[in-house]
C-alpha atoms as a PDB file:
ATOM      1  CA  MET A   1     124.231  96.665 132.777  1.00  0.00           C
ATOM      2  CA  ASP A   2     123.684  93.436 131.085  1.00  0.00           C
ATOM      3  CA  LYS A   3     120.322  93.405 133.174  1.00  0.00           C
ATOM      4  CA  LEU A   4     119.402  96.651 131.912  1.00  0.00           C
ATOM      5  CA  LYS A   5     120.135  95.455 128.055  1.00  0.00           C
ATOM      6  CA  ILE A   6     117.975  92.234 128.879  1.00  0.00           C
ATOM      7  CA  ALA A   7     115.245  94.697 130.147  1.00  0.00           C
ATOM      8  CA  VAL A   8     115.309  96.722 127.262  1.00  0.00           C
ATOM      9  CA  PHE A   9     115.122  93.795 124.674  1.00  0.00           C
ATOM     10  CA  GLY A  10     112.029  92.421 126.731  1.00  0.00           C
ATOM     11  CA  VAL A  11     109.978  95.848 126.773  1.00  0.00           C
ATOM     12  CA  ILE A  12     110.744  96.331 123.091  1.00  0.00           C
ATOM     13  CA  SER A  13     109.879  92.685 122.276  1.00  0.00           C
ATOM     14  CA  VAL A  14     106.573  93.095 124.432  1.00  0.00           C
ATOM     15  CA  LEU A  15     105.592  96.216 122.337  1.00  0.00           C
ATOM     16  CA  ILE A  16     106.418  94.609 118.854  1.00  0.00           C
ATOM     17  CA  ILE A  17     104.263  91.440 119.845  1.00  0.00           C
ATOM     18  CA  CYS A  18     101.368  93.810 120.758  1.00  0.00           C
ATOM     19  CA  ALA A  19     101.483  95.344 117.532  1.00  0.00           C
ATOM     20  CA  LEU A  20     101.514  92.306 115.380  1.00  0.00           C
ATOM     21  CA  CYS A  21      98.401  91.289 117.530  1.00  0.00           C
ATOM     22  CA  ILE A  22      96.607  94.582 117.166  1.00  0.00           C
ATOM     23  CA  CYS A  23      97.444  94.326 113.613  1.00  0.00           C
ATOM     24  CA  GLY A  24      95.715  91.063 112.560  1.00  0.00           C
ATOM     25  CA  ILE A  25      98.200  89.861 109.945  1.00  0.00           C
ATOM     26  CA  GLY A  26      96.764  87.302 107.771  1.00  0.00           C
ATOM     27  CA  THR A  27      93.035  87.212 109.004  1.00  0.00           C
ATOM     28  CA  SER A  28      90.552  86.094 106.601  1.00  0.00           C
ATOM     29  CA  VAL A  29      86.811  85.084 106.635  1.00  0.00           C
ATOM     30  CA  THR A  30      86.914  83.382 102.916  1.00  0.00           C
ATOM     31  CA  VAL A  31      85.544  80.133 102.330  1.00  0.00           C
ATOM     32  CA  ALA A  32      86.365  78.144  99.210  1.00  0.00           C
ATOM     33  CA  TYR A  33      83.975  76.113  97.166  1.00  0.00           C
ATOM     34  CA  ALA A  34      84.773  73.402  94.342  1.00  0.00           C
ATOM     35  CA  GLU A  35      85.886  74.887  91.194  1.00  0.00           C
ATOM     36  CA  THR A  36      82.705  73.624  89.208  1.00  0.00           C
ATOM     37  CA  SER A  37      80.359  75.224  91.659  1.00  0.00           C
ATOM     38  CA  ALA A  38      79.257  78.807  91.286  1.00  0.00           C
ATOM     39  CA  ARG A  39      76.647  80.793  93.071  1.00  0.00           C
ATOM     40  CA  VAL A  40      73.752  83.042  91.880  1.00  0.00           C
ATOM     41  CA  LEU A  41      74.459  86.849  92.546  1.00  0.00           C
ATOM     42  CA  TYR A  42      71.182  88.423  92.575  1.00  0.00           C
ATOM     43  CA  SER A  43      67.418  87.108  93.441  1.00  0.00           C
ATOM     44  CA  GLY A  44      65.126  86.458  90.517  1.00  0.00           C
ATOM     45  CA  THR A  45      68.105  85.336  88.277  1.00  0.00           C
ATOM     46  CA  PRO A  46      66.601  83.584  85.214  1.00  0.00           C
ATOM     47  CA  LEU A  47      67.471  79.952  84.408  1.00  0.00           C
ATOM     48  CA  THR A  48      66.739  79.720  80.622  1.00  0.00           C
ATOM     49  CA  ASP A  49      66.448  76.833  78.175  1.00  0.00           C
ATOM     50  CA  GLY A  50      69.460  78.189  75.880  1.00  0.00           C
ATOM     51  CA  ASN A  51      66.820  80.065  73.656  1.00  0.00           C
ATOM     52  CA  GLY A  52      65.863  82.967  75.706  1.00  0.00           C
ATOM     53  CA  ALA A  53      62.956  81.048  77.477  1.00  0.00           C
ATOM     54  CA  VAL A  54      62.907  81.025  81.286  1.00  0.00           C
ATOM     55  CA  ILE A  55      62.829  77.730  83.125  1.00  0.00           C
ATOM     56  CA  ALA A  56      62.916  79.030  86.440  1.00  0.00           C
ATOM     57  CA  GLU A  57      64.103  82.033  88.685  1.00  0.00           C
ATOM     58  CA  LEU A  58      66.615  81.420  91.126  1.00  0.00           C
ATOM     59  CA  SER A  59      67.111  83.217  94.497  1.00  0.00           C
ATOM     60  CA  ALA A  60      70.527  84.807  95.659  1.00  0.00           C
ATOM     61  CA  ASP A  61      73.338  82.378  96.637  1.00  0.00           C
ATOM     62  CA  THR A  62      71.502  79.376  95.148  1.00  0.00           C
ATOM     63  CA  VAL A  63      74.661  76.778  94.518  1.00  0.00           C
ATOM     64  CA  VAL A  64      74.810  75.815  90.627  1.00  0.00           C
ATOM     65  CA  GLU A  65      77.031  73.309  89.284  1.00  0.00           C
ATOM     66  CA  ILE A  66      78.795  74.301  85.948  1.00  0.00           C
ATOM     67  CA  THR A  67      78.460  71.354  83.555  1.00  0.00           C
ATOM     68  CA  GLY A  68      80.471  72.888  80.406  1.00  0.00           C
ATOM     69  CA  THR A  69      82.148  75.818  78.743  1.00  0.00           C
ATOM     70  CA  GLU A  70      80.198  79.195  78.391  1.00  0.00           C
ATOM     71  CA  THR A  71      78.024  79.710  75.061  1.00  0.00           C
ATOM     72  CA  GLU A  72      76.094  82.951  73.805  1.00  0.00           C
ATOM     73  CA  ALA A  73      73.329  81.520  76.267  1.00  0.00           C
ATOM     74  CA  GLY A  74      75.528  81.681  79.184  1.00  0.00           C
ATOM     75  CA  TYR A  75      77.057  78.904  81.482  1.00  0.00           C
ATOM     76  CA  PRO A  76      75.260  75.573  81.355  1.00  0.00           C
ATOM     77  CA  VAL A  77      74.475  74.747  84.924  1.00  0.00           C
ATOM     78  CA  THR A  78      72.292  72.247  87.113  1.00  0.00           C
ATOM     79  CA  ALA A  79      70.538  73.750  90.062  1.00  0.00           C
ATOM     80  CA  GLY A  80      69.026  70.965  92.022  1.00  0.00           C
ATOM     81  CA  GLU A  81      66.981  68.811  89.619  1.00  0.00           C
ATOM     82  CA  GLN A  82      66.945  71.711  86.835  1.00  0.00           C
ATOM     83  CA  SER A  83      69.171  72.104  84.087  1.00  0.00           C
ATOM     84  CA  GLY A  84      69.757  74.970  81.730  1.00  0.00           C
ATOM     85  CA  TYR A  85      71.776  78.226  81.405  1.00  0.00           C
ATOM     86  CA  ILE A  86      72.807  81.329  83.379  1.00  0.00           C
ATOM     87  CA  ARG A  87      74.415  84.429  81.984  1.00  0.00           C
ATOM     88  CA  LYS A  88      78.210  84.878  83.565  1.00  0.00           C
ATOM     89  CA  GLU A  89      77.265  88.427  85.079  1.00  0.00           C
ATOM     90  CA  TYR A  90      74.384  86.735  87.372  1.00  0.00           C
ATOM     91  CA  LEU A  91      77.117  84.384  88.787  1.00  0.00           C
ATOM     92  CA  TYR A  92      80.102  84.603  90.908  1.00  0.00           C
ATOM     93  CA  PHE A  93      82.499  81.840  91.649  1.00  0.00           C
ATOM     94  CA  ALA A  94      84.202  80.932  94.917  1.00  0.00           C
ATOM     95  CA  ALA A  95      87.569  79.219  93.281  1.00  0.00           C
ATOM     96  CA  ASN A  96      87.509  79.594  89.599  1.00  0.00           C
ATOM     97  CA  GLY A  97      86.607  82.624  87.487  1.00  0.00           C
ATOM     98  CA  ILE A  98      86.069  85.282  90.380  1.00  0.00           C
ATOM     99  CA  ASP A  99      88.082  87.702  88.139  1.00  0.00           C
ATOM    100  CA  GLU A 100      85.043  87.910  85.825  1.00  0.00           C
ATOM    101  CA  LEU A 101      83.427  90.067  88.414  1.00  0.00           C
ATOM    102  CA  LYS A 102      84.745  93.460  89.480  1.00  0.00           C
ATOM    103  CA  VAL A 103      86.150  92.117  92.889  1.00  0.00           C
ATOM    104  CA  ALA A 104      88.096  94.229  95.229  1.00  0.00           C
ATOM    105  CA  SER A 105      90.306  92.832  97.947  1.00  0.00           C
ATOM    106  CA  VAL A 106      89.958  94.952 101.003  1.00  0.00           C
ATOM    107  CA  LYS A 107      90.270  94.982 104.749  1.00  0.00           C
ATOM    108  CA  VAL A 108      87.717  95.930 107.204  1.00  0.00           C
ATOM    109  CA  LEU A 109      87.927  99.559 108.869  1.00  0.00           C
ATOM    110  CA  ALA A 110      86.316  99.925 112.343  1.00  0.00           C
ATOM    111  CA  ASP A 111      85.225 103.212 113.579  1.00  0.00           C
ATOM    112  CA  GLY A 112      87.939 102.735 116.566  1.00  0.00           C
ATOM    113  CA  VAL A 113      90.679 100.686 117.829  1.00  0.00           C
ATOM    114  CA  GLY A 114      89.032  97.340 119.327  1.00  0.00           C
ATOM    115  CA  ARG A 115      85.601  98.036 117.902  1.00  0.00           C
ATOM    116  CA  LYS A 116      83.911  95.801 115.149  1.00  0.00           C
ATOM    117  CA  VAL A 117      81.982  96.412 112.001  1.00  0.00           C
ATOM    118  CA  GLU A 118      78.479  94.947 111.430  1.00  0.00           C
ATOM    119  CA  LEU A 119      77.493  92.958 108.557  1.00  0.00           C
ATOM    120  CA  LYS A 120      73.957  93.252 107.125  1.00  0.00           C
ATOM    121  CA  ILE A 121      71.822  90.633 105.766  1.00  0.00           C
ATOM    122  CA  ALA A 122      70.582  93.247 103.150  1.00  0.00           C
ATOM    123  CA  PRO A 123      72.317  96.336 101.433  1.00  0.00           C
ATOM    124  CA  SER A 124      70.197  98.360 103.957  1.00  0.00           C
ATOM    125  CA  PRO A 125      70.917 100.095 107.086  1.00  0.00           C
ATOM    126  CA  ASP A 126      67.500  99.134 108.563  1.00  0.00           C
ATOM    127  CA  ALA A 127      68.370  95.410 107.600  1.00  0.00           C
ATOM    128  CA  GLU A 128      69.244  92.675 110.247  1.00  0.00           C
ATOM    129  CA  SER A 129      72.718  92.738 111.649  1.00  0.00           C
ATOM    130  CA  VAL A 130      73.987  89.005 111.429  1.00  0.00           C
ATOM    131  CA  ALA A 131      77.473  89.281 112.173  1.00  0.00           C
ATOM    132  CA  THR A 132      80.584  91.497 113.270  1.00  0.00           C
ATOM    133  CA  LEU A 133      84.102  91.528 111.971  1.00  0.00           C
ATOM    134  CA  SER A 134      87.019  93.123 113.456  1.00  0.00           C
ATOM    135  CA  ASP A 135      89.478  95.682 112.161  1.00  0.00           C
ATOM    136  CA  GLY A 136      91.786  94.562 109.676  1.00  0.00           C
ATOM    137  CA  VAL A 137      89.668  91.134 108.578  1.00  0.00           C
ATOM    138  CA  ARG A 138      90.352  90.643 104.621  1.00  0.00           C
ATOM    139  CA  LEU A 139      87.595  90.404 102.427  1.00  0.00           C
ATOM    140  CA  ASP A 140      86.488  90.033  98.487  1.00  0.00           C
ATOM    141  CA  VAL A 141      83.742  92.218  97.928  1.00  0.00           C
ATOM    142  CA  THR A 142      81.963  93.222  94.728  1.00  0.00           C
ATOM    143  CA  GLU A 143      79.298  95.936  93.882  1.00  0.00           C
ATOM    144  CA  CYS A 144      75.592  95.135  94.640  1.00  0.00           C
ATOM    145  CA  GLY A 145      73.614  97.859  93.158  1.00  0.00           C
ATOM    146  CA  SER A 146      73.846  99.741  96.341  1.00  0.00           C
ATOM    147  CA  GLU A 147      75.528 102.939  96.571  1.00  0.00           C
ATOM    148  CA  ASP A 148      76.582 102.600 100.381  1.00  0.00           C
ATOM    149  CA  TYR A 149      77.068  98.784 100.472  1.00  0.00           C
ATOM    150  CA  TYR A 150      79.479  95.795  98.967  1.00  0.00           C
ATOM    151  CA  ARG A 151      78.392  92.452  99.023  1.00  0.00           C
ATOM    152  CA  ILE A 152      80.983  90.252 100.330  1.00  0.00           C
ATOM    153  CA  LEU A 153      81.842  87.071  98.447  1.00  0.00           C
ATOM    154  CA  ASN A 154      83.040  83.648  99.157  1.00  0.00           C
ATOM    155  CA  SER A 155      80.845  83.452 102.461  1.00  0.00           C
ATOM    156  CA  ASP A 156      78.183  81.209 103.382  1.00  0.00           C
ATOM    157  CA  TYR A 157      75.539  83.522 103.202  1.00  0.00           C
ATOM    158  CA  PRO A 158      74.617  86.805 101.618  1.00  0.00           C
ATOM    159  CA  TYR A 159      76.477  89.524 103.595  1.00  0.00           C
ATOM    160  CA  TYR A 160      76.724  93.047 103.038  1.00  0.00           C
ATOM    161  CA  ILE A 161      79.094  95.464 104.449  1.00  0.00           C
ATOM    162  CA  LEU A 162      79.364  99.497 104.426  1.00  0.00           C
ATOM    163  CA  LYS A 163      81.726 100.654 101.908  1.00  0.00           C
ATOM    164  CA  GLU A 164      82.836 103.161 104.437  1.00  0.00           C
ATOM    165  CA  ASN A 165      83.849 100.218 106.534  1.00  0.00           C
ATOM    166  CA  VAL A 166      86.547  98.821 104.204  1.00  0.00           C
ATOM    167  CA  THR A 167      89.703  99.954 102.978  1.00  0.00           C
ATOM    168  CA  THR A 168      92.716  98.989 100.927  1.00  0.00           C
ATOM    169  CA  SER A 169      95.359 100.901 102.721  1.00  0.00           C
ATOM    170  CA  LEU A 170      96.393 100.584 106.546  1.00  0.00           C
ATOM    171  CA  THR A 171      93.338  99.983 109.084  1.00  0.00           C
ATOM    172  CA  ARG A 172      93.238 101.912 112.496  1.00  0.00           C
ATOM    173  CA  ASN A 173      94.463  99.020 114.170  1.00  0.00           C
ATOM    174  CA  GLN A 174      97.438  98.735 111.746  1.00  0.00           C
ATOM    175  CA  ARG A 175      97.964 102.523 112.058  1.00  0.00           C
ATOM    176  CA  VAL A 176      98.491 101.947 115.954  1.00  0.00           C
ATOM    177  CA  ALA A 177     100.543  98.828 115.233  1.00  0.00           C
ATOM    178  CA  VAL A 178     102.901 101.079 113.069  1.00  0.00           C
ATOM    179  CA  ILE A 179     103.017 103.690 115.722  1.00  0.00           C
ATOM    180  CA  ILE A 180     104.030 101.053 118.245  1.00  0.00           C
ATOM    181  CA  ILE A 181     106.639  99.752 116.473  1.00  0.00           C
ATOM    182  CA  ALA A 182     108.034 103.400 115.729  1.00  0.00           C
ATOM    183  CA  VAL A 183     108.055 104.124 119.296  1.00  0.00           C
ATOM    184  CA  ALA A 184     109.763 100.519 119.998  1.00  0.00           C
ATOM    185  CA  ALA A 185     112.471 101.533 117.425  1.00  0.00           C
ATOM    186  CA  VAL A 186     113.016 105.002 118.809  1.00  0.00           C
ATOM    187  CA  ALA A 187     113.296 103.263 122.382  1.00  0.00           C
ATOM    188  CA  ALA A 188     115.824 100.764 121.228  1.00  0.00           C
ATOM    189  CA  ALA A 189     117.800 103.598 119.778  1.00  0.00           C
ATOM    190  CA  VAL A 190     117.720 105.762 122.850  1.00  0.00           C
ATOM    191  CA  SER A 191     118.280 102.822 125.113  1.00  0.00           C
ATOM    192  CA  PHE A 192     121.389 101.579 123.426  1.00  0.00           C
ATOM    193  CA  GLY A 193     122.710 105.053 122.779  1.00  0.00           C
ATOM    194  CA  MET A 194     122.606 105.309 126.602  1.00  0.00           C
ATOM    195  CA  ILE A 195     124.263 101.761 127.366  1.00  0.00           C
ATOM    196  CA  TYR A 196     127.074 102.753 125.047  1.00  0.00           C
ATOM    197  CA  LEU A 197     127.541 106.207 126.710  1.00  0.00           C
ATOM    198  CA  TYR A 198     127.508 104.586 130.035  1.00  0.00           C
ATOM    199  CA  ARG A 199     130.249 101.805 129.048  1.00  0.00           C
ATOM    200  CA  ASN A 200     132.167 104.289 127.657  1.00  0.00           C
ATOM    201  CA  ARG A 201     132.151 107.396 130.113  1.00  0.00           C
ATOM    202  CA  GLU A 202     135.508 106.763 131.690  1.00  0.00           C
ATOM    203  CA  ARG A 203     136.984 106.846 127.901  1.00  0.00           C
ATOM    204  CA  PHE A 204     134.988 110.163 127.234  1.00  0.00           C
ATOM    205  CA  LYS A 205     136.268 111.394 130.615  1.00  0.00           C
ATOM    206  CA  ASN A 206     139.870 110.755 129.785  1.00  0.00           C
ATOM    207  CA  LYS A 207     139.612 112.525 126.483  1.00  0.00           C
ATOM    208  CA  ARG A 208     138.860 115.567 128.328  1.00  0.00           C
END
């Protein structure tokens, strides 16, 4: 009977390990940058001289260095060899001040277990797919002016993901993991109940 108990423990352990693997706990694709660095959120972002005059227009994801505290003209920054001011709504931060944007912490929601979600180079279904992510991967996202897409923050490139492919609740893989763990718990309860009845069958017979 001890062999049966060991077998039960083995099966339940395998089920739980499989569930945790499917769940993908702690997966992340975020990349941190220096606290004094920021990136431009939109293409055509104006770099001004502090009095409203435009010095240059910066492209999306241009890295700028914050050189001082925020003023009415925006943050004082350097972009390459140019210096000027950029308003905070045109910037996002990788490590410092990220709460200045409406940032949502979400998880990738695939169409089915084992399937992947495509990332686009632009917020359009016709845009090129540049990468894929598995169900359950954690992301920081923000609005990007599209009704259907989020922009992914803290990545090396400007990636976009469909809003319907993210969730703040359980992903499909996590739901499967919960079901597997529940089945394992029920199997454990039934198995130990049977073991108990088997070991005490003589005592139950004597009571009759």
